[in-house]
Amino acid sequence: IAGVAAGFISCVTTHPLDVVKTRFQVSDGLHSHVPKYRGTWHALTTILRTEGVRTMYAGLTPNLTGSTVSWGCYFYAYNYLKGVARQRGGYVDSTGHLGPGVNMACATMSGVCTCVAT
């Protein structure tokens, strides 16, 4: 649940910046019907003023679906792999915690699993 919530929150809060990034990418600066922007803040305020808040969240649904599924998969795999490492016993240090190398390996494998699954 934490992974899905993290994916949802990060997607919703950063999606307007994705819209601005896309606007910058499609603007050729010569024959574009998209207004010229002087910078990120100018683009955000111009889009909000001329097109409204809904425009800042255009295309949110596919982005939200992919992000929540990916983060959910990542955190599930990460917690599962840490549990497996704890059960094996040889990877736990004297304080009962997994070492940084084991955490890094679990995070790496979680990323691989997420890439394969999504």
Protein backbone atom coordinates (compact mmCIF):
# COMPACT_ATOMS: atom_id res chain seq x y z
CA ILE A 1 0.00 0.00 0.00
CA ALA A 2 2.87 2.36 0.79
CA GLY A 3 4.32 1.85 -2.68
CA VAL A 4 1.03 2.56 -4.39
CA ALA A 5 0.49 5.66 -2.24
CA ALA A 6 4.02 6.88 -2.97
CA GLY A 7 3.51 6.40 -6.70
CA PHE A 8 0.17 8.20 -6.59
CA ILE A 9 1.44 11.18 -4.58
CA SER A 10 4.63 11.63 -6.59
CA CYS A 11 2.73 11.42 -9.85
CA VAL A 12 0.02 13.90 -8.89
CA THR A 13 2.48 16.44 -7.48
CA THR A 14 4.97 16.33 -10.36
CA HIS A 15 2.63 15.87 -13.33
CA PRO A 16 2.29 19.63 -14.01
CA LEU A 17 6.07 19.73 -14.50
CA ASP A 18 5.77 16.90 -17.04
CA VAL A 19 3.22 18.99 -18.94
CA VAL A 20 5.62 21.95 -18.94
CA LYS A 21 8.49 19.70 -20.06
CA THR A 22 6.38 18.40 -22.92
CA ARG A 23 5.46 21.93 -23.96
CA PHE A 24 9.13 22.87 -24.08
CA GLN A 25 9.92 19.77 -26.14
CA VAL A 26 7.25 20.36 -28.77
CA SER A 27 7.86 24.09 -29.11
CA ASP A 28 10.19 24.59 -32.07
CA GLY A 29 10.41 28.31 -31.43
CA LEU A 30 9.53 29.19 -35.01
CA HIS A 31 6.12 28.04 -36.25
CA SER A 32 4.52 26.68 -33.14
CA HIS A 33 1.00 27.48 -31.99
CA VAL A 34 2.20 26.89 -28.43
CA PRO A 35 3.14 30.15 -26.66
CA LYS A 36 6.78 30.89 -26.07
CA TYR A 37 7.86 30.51 -22.47
CA ARG A 38 10.75 32.26 -20.79
CA GLY A 39 11.21 29.55 -18.19
CA THR A 40 9.51 26.94 -16.06
CA TRP A 41 7.71 29.36 -13.77
CA HIS A 42 6.55 31.49 -16.70
CA ALA A 43 5.28 28.38 -18.47
CA LEU A 44 3.39 27.18 -15.37
CA THR A 45 1.71 30.53 -14.78
CA THR A 46 0.92 31.09 -18.47
CA ILE A 47 -0.65 27.66 -18.90
CA LEU A 48 -2.68 28.07 -15.71
CA ARG A 49 -3.86 31.54 -16.69
CA THR A 50 -4.71 30.81 -20.33
CA GLU A 51 -5.79 27.16 -20.27
CA GLY A 52 -6.76 26.40 -16.69
CA VAL A 53 -5.85 23.82 -14.07
CA ARG A 54 -7.28 20.87 -16.03
CA THR A 55 -4.61 21.33 -18.67
CA MET A 56 -1.89 20.80 -16.06
CA TYR A 57 -3.28 17.32 -15.47
CA ALA A 58 -3.90 16.30 -19.09
CA GLY A 59 -2.69 12.73 -19.56
CA LEU A 60 -2.61 12.03 -15.83
CA THR A 61 -4.54 8.74 -15.97
CA PRO A 62 -1.99 6.65 -17.92
CA ASN A 63 0.87 8.24 -16.01
CA LEU A 64 -0.86 7.56 -12.70
CA THR A 65 -1.63 3.97 -13.61
CA GLY A 66 1.93 3.21 -14.61
CA SER A 67 3.48 5.00 -11.65
CA THR A 68 1.32 3.43 -8.97
CA VAL A 69 1.75 -0.06 -10.39
CA SER A 70 5.51 0.38 -10.73
CA TRP A 71 6.05 1.74 -7.23
CA GLY A 72 3.74 -0.86 -5.73
CA CYS A 73 5.67 -3.62 -7.48
CA TYR A 74 9.01 -2.12 -6.41
CA PHE A 75 8.18 -1.84 -2.72
CA TYR A 76 6.56 -5.28 -2.65
CA ALA A 77 9.65 -6.87 -4.19
CA TYR A 78 11.99 -4.88 -1.94
CA ASN A 79 10.22 -5.95 1.26
CA TYR A 80 9.95 -9.54 0.03
CA LEU A 81 13.67 -9.74 -0.79
CA LYS A 82 14.65 -8.20 2.55
CA GLY A 83 12.49 -10.84 4.28
CA VAL A 84 14.24 -13.58 2.35
CA ALA A 85 17.64 -12.15 3.32
CA ARG A 86 16.61 -12.05 6.99
CA GLN A 87 15.42 -15.66 6.88
CA ARG A 88 18.73 -16.83 5.49
CA GLY A 89 20.38 -15.42 8.62
CA GLY A 90 23.88 -14.91 7.25
CA TYR A 91 23.12 -11.40 6.06
CA VAL A 92 22.12 -9.91 9.41
CA ASP A 93 24.73 -7.92 11.34
CA SER A 94 25.35 -8.01 15.09
CA THR A 95 22.54 -5.51 15.76
CA GLY A 96 19.99 -7.61 13.86
CA HIS A 97 19.85 -5.33 10.82
CA LEU A 98 20.67 -6.03 7.22
CA GLY A 99 23.88 -4.39 6.08
CA PRO A 100 24.05 -1.65 3.44
CA GLY A 101 25.30 -4.07 0.79
CA VAL A 102 22.32 -6.37 1.32
CA ASN A 103 19.91 -3.43 1.21
CA MET A 104 21.55 -2.23 -2.00
CA ALA A 105 21.29 -5.71 -3.53
CA CYS A 106 17.61 -5.95 -2.54
CA ALA A 107 16.93 -2.50 -4.01
CA THR A 108 18.74 -3.40 -7.24
CA MET A 109 16.88 -6.66 -7.66
CA SER A 110 13.59 -4.90 -6.86
CA GLY A 111 14.31 -2.44 -9.66
CA VAL A 112 15.03 -5.31 -12.04
CA CYS A 113 11.82 -7.07 -11.03
CA THR A 114 9.85 -3.85 -11.54
CA CYS A 115 11.35 -3.33 -15.01
CA VAL A 116 10.55 -6.89 -16.02
CA ALA A 117 7.02 -6.79 -14.57
CA THR A 118 6.04 -3.41 -15.97
